[in-house]
N, C-alpha and C. Protein backbone atom coordinates (compact mmCIF):
# COMPACT_ATOMS: atom_id res chain seq x y z
N MET A 1 0.78 -1.44 0.00
CA MET A 1 0.17 0.02 -0.38
C MET A 1 0.98 1.32 -0.16
N TYR A 2 0.33 2.21 -0.66
CA TYR A 2 0.49 3.43 -0.51
C TYR A 2 0.19 4.55 0.27
N LEU A 3 1.14 5.56 1.08
CA LEU A 3 0.91 6.58 1.83
C LEU A 3 0.65 7.87 1.32
N HIS A 4 0.03 8.90 1.62
CA HIS A 4 0.07 10.08 0.54
C HIS A 4 0.63 10.91 1.85
N ILE A 5 1.83 11.60 1.76
CA ILE A 5 2.53 12.46 2.93
C ILE A 5 2.10 14.06 2.21
N GLY A 6 1.08 14.36 1.03
CA GLY A 6 1.54 15.67 0.99
C GLY A 6 1.95 16.02 -0.63
N GLN A 7 0.98 17.27 -1.28
CA GLN A 7 1.85 17.76 -2.37
C GLN A 7 2.01 16.39 -3.28
N ASN A 8 0.66 15.44 -3.43
CA ASN A 8 0.73 14.40 -4.65
C ASN A 8 1.78 13.38 -4.51
N LYS A 9 2.47 13.44 -3.34
CA LYS A 9 3.55 12.47 -3.35
C LYS A 9 3.13 11.19 -2.56
N LEU A 10 3.52 10.05 -3.34
CA LEU A 10 2.64 8.79 -2.51
C LEU A 10 4.15 7.81 -2.30
N ILE A 11 4.42 7.34 -1.32
CA ILE A 11 5.61 6.70 -0.61
C ILE A 11 4.61 5.04 -0.27
N LYS A 12 5.68 4.16 -0.38
CA LYS A 12 5.41 2.88 -0.19
C LYS A 12 5.45 2.97 1.23
N GLU A 13 4.29 1.55 1.93
CA GLU A 13 4.43 2.01 3.44
C GLU A 13 5.11 0.77 3.83
N ASP A 14 5.65 0.14 3.38
CA ASP A 14 6.57 -0.54 3.87
C ASP A 14 7.92 -0.39 3.82
N SER A 15 8.14 0.67 3.11
CA SER A 15 9.83 1.44 3.18
C SER A 15 9.67 2.33 4.60
N ILE A 16 8.55 2.77 4.99
CA ILE A 16 8.64 4.07 6.21
C ILE A 16 9.26 2.96 7.73
N ILE A 17 10.26 3.87 7.91
CA ILE A 17 10.81 3.76 9.15
C ILE A 17 10.16 4.36 10.25
N GLY A 18 9.85 5.89 10.25
CA GLY A 18 9.15 6.48 11.14
C GLY A 18 8.72 7.81 10.54
N PHE A 19 8.19 8.38 11.34
CA PHE A 19 7.51 9.51 11.03
C PHE A 19 7.53 10.42 12.40
N PHE A 20 7.87 11.62 12.24
CA PHE A 20 8.60 12.78 13.11
C PHE A 20 8.10 13.67 13.29
N ASP A 21 7.72 14.25 14.63
CA ASP A 21 7.02 15.97 14.26
C ASP A 21 8.61 17.11 14.36
N MET A 22 8.16 17.89 13.45
CA MET A 22 9.37 18.91 13.12
C MET A 22 9.59 19.58 14.46
N ASP A 23 8.95 19.80 15.05
CA ASP A 23 8.70 20.92 16.38
C ASP A 23 9.66 20.11 17.59
N THR A 24 9.05 18.88 17.82
CA THR A 24 9.55 18.31 18.98
C THR A 24 10.88 17.40 18.89
N SER A 25 10.95 16.95 17.57
CA SER A 25 12.25 16.13 17.28
C SER A 25 13.15 16.90 16.83
N THR A 26 13.24 18.10 16.55
CA THR A 26 14.49 19.09 16.37
C THR A 26 15.03 20.07 17.45
N VAL A 27 14.31 19.02 18.62
CA VAL A 27 14.73 20.15 19.54
C VAL A 27 16.34 19.44 20.16
N SER A 28 16.36 17.95 19.97
CA SER A 28 17.49 16.90 20.07
C SER A 28 18.49 17.38 19.33
N LYS A 29 19.61 17.70 19.75
CA LYS A 29 20.73 18.19 18.61
C LYS A 29 21.03 16.85 17.94
N MET A 30 21.27 15.65 18.54
CA MET A 30 21.27 14.33 17.56
C MET A 30 20.50 14.53 16.24
N THR A 31 19.27 14.98 16.56
CA THR A 31 18.60 14.68 15.12
C THR A 31 18.42 15.91 14.66
N ARG A 32 18.83 17.05 15.06
CA ARG A 32 19.44 18.23 14.28
C ARG A 32 20.64 18.12 13.65
N GLU A 33 21.67 17.47 14.12
CA GLU A 33 22.66 16.62 13.42
C GLU A 33 22.55 15.65 12.01
N TYR A 34 21.51 14.55 12.86
CA TYR A 34 21.05 13.74 11.70
C TYR A 34 20.33 14.08 10.51
N LEU A 35 19.57 15.47 10.32
CA LEU A 35 19.08 15.96 9.18
C LEU A 35 19.92 16.79 8.35
N TYR A 36 20.58 17.28 9.19
CA TYR A 36 22.38 18.12 8.74
C TYR A 36 22.75 17.37 7.70
N LYS A 37 23.17 15.95 8.45
CA LYS A 37 23.97 15.55 7.43
C LYS A 37 23.29 14.79 6.14
N ALA A 38 22.16 14.33 6.75
CA ALA A 38 21.32 13.65 5.40
C ALA A 38 21.37 14.71 4.22
N GLU A 39 20.87 16.19 4.34
CA GLU A 39 20.56 17.32 3.66
C GLU A 39 22.40 17.09 2.93
N LYS A 40 22.76 17.00 3.92
CA LYS A 40 24.63 17.45 3.03
C LYS A 40 24.83 15.94 2.22
N ASP A 41 24.28 15.29 2.33
CA ASP A 41 24.36 14.13 1.37
C ASP A 41 23.43 13.89 0.56
N GLY A 42 22.49 14.79 0.86
CA GLY A 42 21.38 14.55 -0.65
C GLY A 42 20.24 13.64 -0.74
N LYS A 43 20.16 13.23 0.75
CA LYS A 43 18.94 12.21 1.42
C LYS A 43 17.40 12.66 1.39
N VAL A 44 17.88 14.39 1.99
CA VAL A 44 16.45 14.95 1.71
C VAL A 44 15.94 15.71 0.68
N LYS A 45 14.58 15.45 0.94
CA LYS A 45 13.42 15.66 -0.35
C LYS A 45 12.31 16.68 0.02
N GLN A 46 12.10 17.76 -0.07
CA GLN A 46 11.35 18.61 0.32
C GLN A 46 10.31 18.81 -0.97
N ILE A 47 8.94 17.99 -0.35
CA ILE A 47 7.78 17.69 -0.94
C ILE A 47 6.85 19.06 -1.03
N SER A 48 7.38 20.30 -0.32
CA SER A 48 6.17 21.32 -0.69
C SER A 48 7.13 22.94 -0.32
N ASN A 49 7.05 23.77 -0.70
CA ASN A 49 7.32 24.90 -0.12
C ASN A 49 6.56 25.35 0.98
N ASP A 50 5.40 25.13 1.50
CA ASP A 50 4.67 25.21 2.82
C ASP A 50 5.74 24.79 4.06
N LEU A 51 5.30 25.42 4.78
CA LEU A 51 5.83 25.23 6.29
C LEU A 51 6.11 24.04 6.81
N PRO A 52 7.33 23.50 6.94
CA PRO A 52 7.64 22.04 7.30
C PRO A 52 6.76 21.42 8.69
N LYS A 53 5.91 20.65 8.68
CA LYS A 53 5.42 20.14 10.17
C LYS A 53 6.09 18.53 10.50
N SER A 54 6.57 18.09 9.47
CA SER A 54 7.32 16.69 9.59
C SER A 54 8.19 16.24 8.66
N PHE A 55 9.07 15.20 9.06
CA PHE A 55 9.42 14.25 8.26
C PHE A 55 9.63 12.87 8.45
N VAL A 56 9.41 11.96 7.37
CA VAL A 56 8.71 10.94 7.31
C VAL A 56 10.66 10.02 6.38
N VAL A 57 11.02 9.48 7.73
CA VAL A 57 12.35 8.58 7.38
C VAL A 57 11.97 7.29 6.28
N CYS A 58 12.45 7.25 5.29
CA CYS A 58 12.40 5.66 4.81
C CYS A 58 13.39 5.01 4.29
N ASN A 59 13.49 3.69 4.02
CA ASN A 59 14.80 3.06 3.40
C ASN A 59 13.93 2.55 1.85
N ASP A 60 14.18 3.52 0.96
CA ASP A 60 14.09 3.20 -0.57
C ASP A 60 15.64 2.67 -1.04
N SER A 61 15.37 1.39 -1.52
CA SER A 61 16.26 0.45 -2.11
C SER A 61 17.46 0.84 -1.58
N ASP A 62 17.82 0.16 -0.22
CA ASP A 62 19.03 0.24 0.55
C ASP A 62 19.49 1.54 1.30
N ALA A 63 18.69 2.62 0.98
CA ALA A 63 19.70 3.70 1.24
C ALA A 63 18.24 4.76 2.00
N ASP A 64 18.80 5.26 3.10
CA ASP A 64 17.59 5.88 3.73
C ASP A 64 17.36 7.54 3.13
N VAL A 65 16.03 7.69 2.94
CA VAL A 65 15.57 8.61 2.48
C VAL A 65 14.48 9.53 3.16
N ILE A 66 14.62 10.96 3.54
CA ILE A 66 14.01 11.64 4.52
C ILE A 66 13.32 12.90 4.02
N TYR A 67 11.89 12.66 3.89
CA TYR A 67 10.71 13.07 3.33
C TYR A 67 10.36 14.40 4.01
N ILE A 68 10.39 15.90 3.83
CA ILE A 68 10.04 16.97 4.45
C ILE A 68 8.55 16.94 4.06
N SER A 69 7.58 16.94 5.33
CA SER A 69 6.21 17.22 4.68
C SER A 69 5.39 18.34 5.38
N PRO A 70 4.42 18.59 4.74
CA PRO A 70 3.42 20.19 5.25
C PRO A 70 3.15 19.34 6.30
N LEU A 71 2.66 17.84 6.33
CA LEU A 71 1.31 17.27 7.07
C LEU A 71 2.04 17.18 8.72
N LEU A 72 0.91 17.21 9.64
CA LEU A 72 1.73 16.68 10.71
C LEU A 72 1.98 15.08 10.87
N SER A 73 2.76 14.96 11.44
CA SER A 73 3.24 13.60 12.01
C SER A 73 1.88 13.05 12.64
N LEU A 74 0.73 13.33 13.02
CA LEU A 74 -0.39 12.87 13.65
C LEU A 74 -1.27 12.29 12.68
N THR A 75 -1.19 12.97 11.57
CA THR A 75 -2.12 12.89 10.52
C THR A 75 -1.19 11.74 9.58
N LEU A 76 -0.34 11.95 9.47
CA LEU A 76 0.83 10.78 8.77
C LEU A 76 0.50 9.33 9.42
N ALA A 77 0.39 9.53 10.57
CA ALA A 77 0.60 8.47 11.46
C ALA A 77 -0.83 7.19 11.38
N LYS A 78 -2.13 8.64 11.21
CA LYS A 78 -3.28 8.03 11.43
C LYS A 78 -4.16 7.31 10.26
N ARG A 79 -3.05 7.86 8.81
CA ARG A 79 -3.40 7.33 7.94
C ARG A 79 -2.81 6.26 7.55
N SER A 80 -1.48 6.12 8.12
CA SER A 80 -1.10 4.69 7.68
C SER A 80 -1.35 3.47 8.73
N ILE A 81 -1.84 3.89 10.07
CA ILE A 81 -2.64 2.79 10.78
C ILE A 81 -4.07 2.68 10.09
N ASN A 82 -4.97 3.56 9.55
CA ASN A 82 -6.16 3.70 9.05
C ASN A 82 -6.46 2.78 7.95
N SER A 83 -5.09 2.77 6.92
CA SER A 83 -4.63 2.05 5.48
C SER A 83 -4.88 0.26 5.94
N LEU A 84 -4.13 0.42 7.23
CA LEU A 84 -3.58 -1.02 7.73
C LEU A 84 -4.50 -1.90 8.23
N SER A 85 -5.38 -1.48 9.41
CA SER A 85 -6.55 -1.75 9.82
C SER A 85 -7.90 -1.99 9.18
N ASN A 86 -8.45 -2.77 8.73
CA ASN A 86 -9.54 -2.88 8.09
C ASN A 86 -10.92 -3.53 9.10
N LYS A 87 -10.30 -4.26 9.85
CA LYS A 87 -11.13 -5.13 10.71
C LYS A 87 -11.39 -4.91 12.40
N GLU A 88 -9.77 -4.19 12.96
CA GLU A 88 -9.40 -3.54 13.93
C GLU A 88 -10.03 -2.32 14.33
N ASP A 89 -10.28 -2.21 15.43
CA ASP A 89 -10.72 -0.29 15.50
C ASP A 89 -9.21 0.03 16.28
N THR A 90 -8.98 1.03 15.40
CA THR A 90 -7.31 1.38 15.78
C THR A 90 -7.67 2.61 16.11
N LYS A 91 -6.64 2.99 17.18
CA LYS A 91 -6.80 4.69 17.49
C LYS A 91 -5.18 4.42 17.71
N ILE A 92 -4.92 6.13 17.87
CA ILE A 92 -3.64 6.49 17.52
C ILE A 92 -3.39 7.46 18.95
N LYS A 93 -2.31 6.84 19.88
CA LYS A 93 -2.41 7.45 21.52
C LYS A 93 -0.97 8.21 21.10
N GLU A 94 -0.98 9.49 21.61
CA GLU A 94 0.48 10.24 21.33
C GLU A 94 0.76 10.47 22.92
N THR A 95 2.09 10.14 22.95
CA THR A 95 2.75 10.74 24.33
C THR A 95 4.09 11.01 23.95
N ARG A 96 4.47 11.98 24.40
CA ARG A 96 5.60 12.75 24.37
C ARG A 96 6.58 12.98 22.73
N GLY A 97 5.55 12.75 22.14
CA GLY A 97 5.68 12.99 20.45
C GLY A 97 5.99 12.12 19.90
N GLU A 98 5.46 10.67 20.68
CA GLU A 98 5.54 9.41 20.07
C GLU A 98 4.27 8.82 19.90
N PHE A 99 3.99 7.87 18.78
CA PHE A 99 2.80 7.43 18.48
C PHE A 99 2.72 5.97 18.93
N TYR A 100 1.40 5.51 19.36
CA TYR A 100 1.31 4.21 19.43
C TYR A 100 0.08 3.50 19.26
N GLU A 101 -0.48 2.50 18.77
CA GLU A 101 -1.24 2.09 18.18
C GLU A 101 -2.00 1.49 19.26
N GLU A 102 -3.62 1.95 19.76
CA GLU A 102 -4.13 0.97 20.57
C GLU A 102 -5.43 0.30 19.90
N LYS A 103 -5.32 -0.98 19.83
CA LYS A 103 -6.31 -2.24 19.00
C LYS A 103 -7.25 -2.41 19.66
N SER A 104 -8.72 -2.48 19.17
CA SER A 104 -9.21 -3.42 20.23
C SER A 104 -10.53 -4.17 18.97
N THR A 105 -10.49 -5.18 19.60
CA THR A 105 -11.33 -6.05 18.58
C THR A 105 -12.70 -6.31 19.15
N GLU A 106 -13.94 -6.31 18.52
CA GLU A 106 -15.14 -6.81 18.64
C GLU A 106 -15.15 -8.24 19.21
N VAL A 107 -16.02 -8.56 20.19
CA VAL A 107 -16.05 -10.00 20.66
C VAL A 107 -17.43 -10.26 20.48
N SER A 108 -18.17 -11.38 20.15
CA SER A 108 -19.39 -11.62 20.14
C SER A 108 -19.96 -12.91 21.06
N VAL A 109 -20.50 -12.68 21.57
CA VAL A 109 -21.03 -13.57 22.50
C VAL A 109 -22.15 -14.48 21.53
N LEU A 110 -22.39 -15.96 21.88
CA LEU A 110 -22.87 -16.66 21.26
C LEU A 110 -23.86 -17.28 22.06
């Protein structure tokens, strides 16, 4: 399956390593250095001229690619989870900028 990350850009869901909020994750010096090095190496792809709100780290053809997206990381996570879960009721829970799945399945009594 594919995930729309903004500006008509689709990426394969199985190549996604993670979604990261631009505001909370770039507080860390290590993250800023990672993004700087990736940009220097030509691995960062800006998909929009809009204000960046998140970045998506993917592994395409054995190399990491980072897409800068105008969409919130929560929006991207919800899209990804919703496309994967057809029968299960899945909710996204945010804790300190990280996202977790909460699944509940219906139980029928006979």
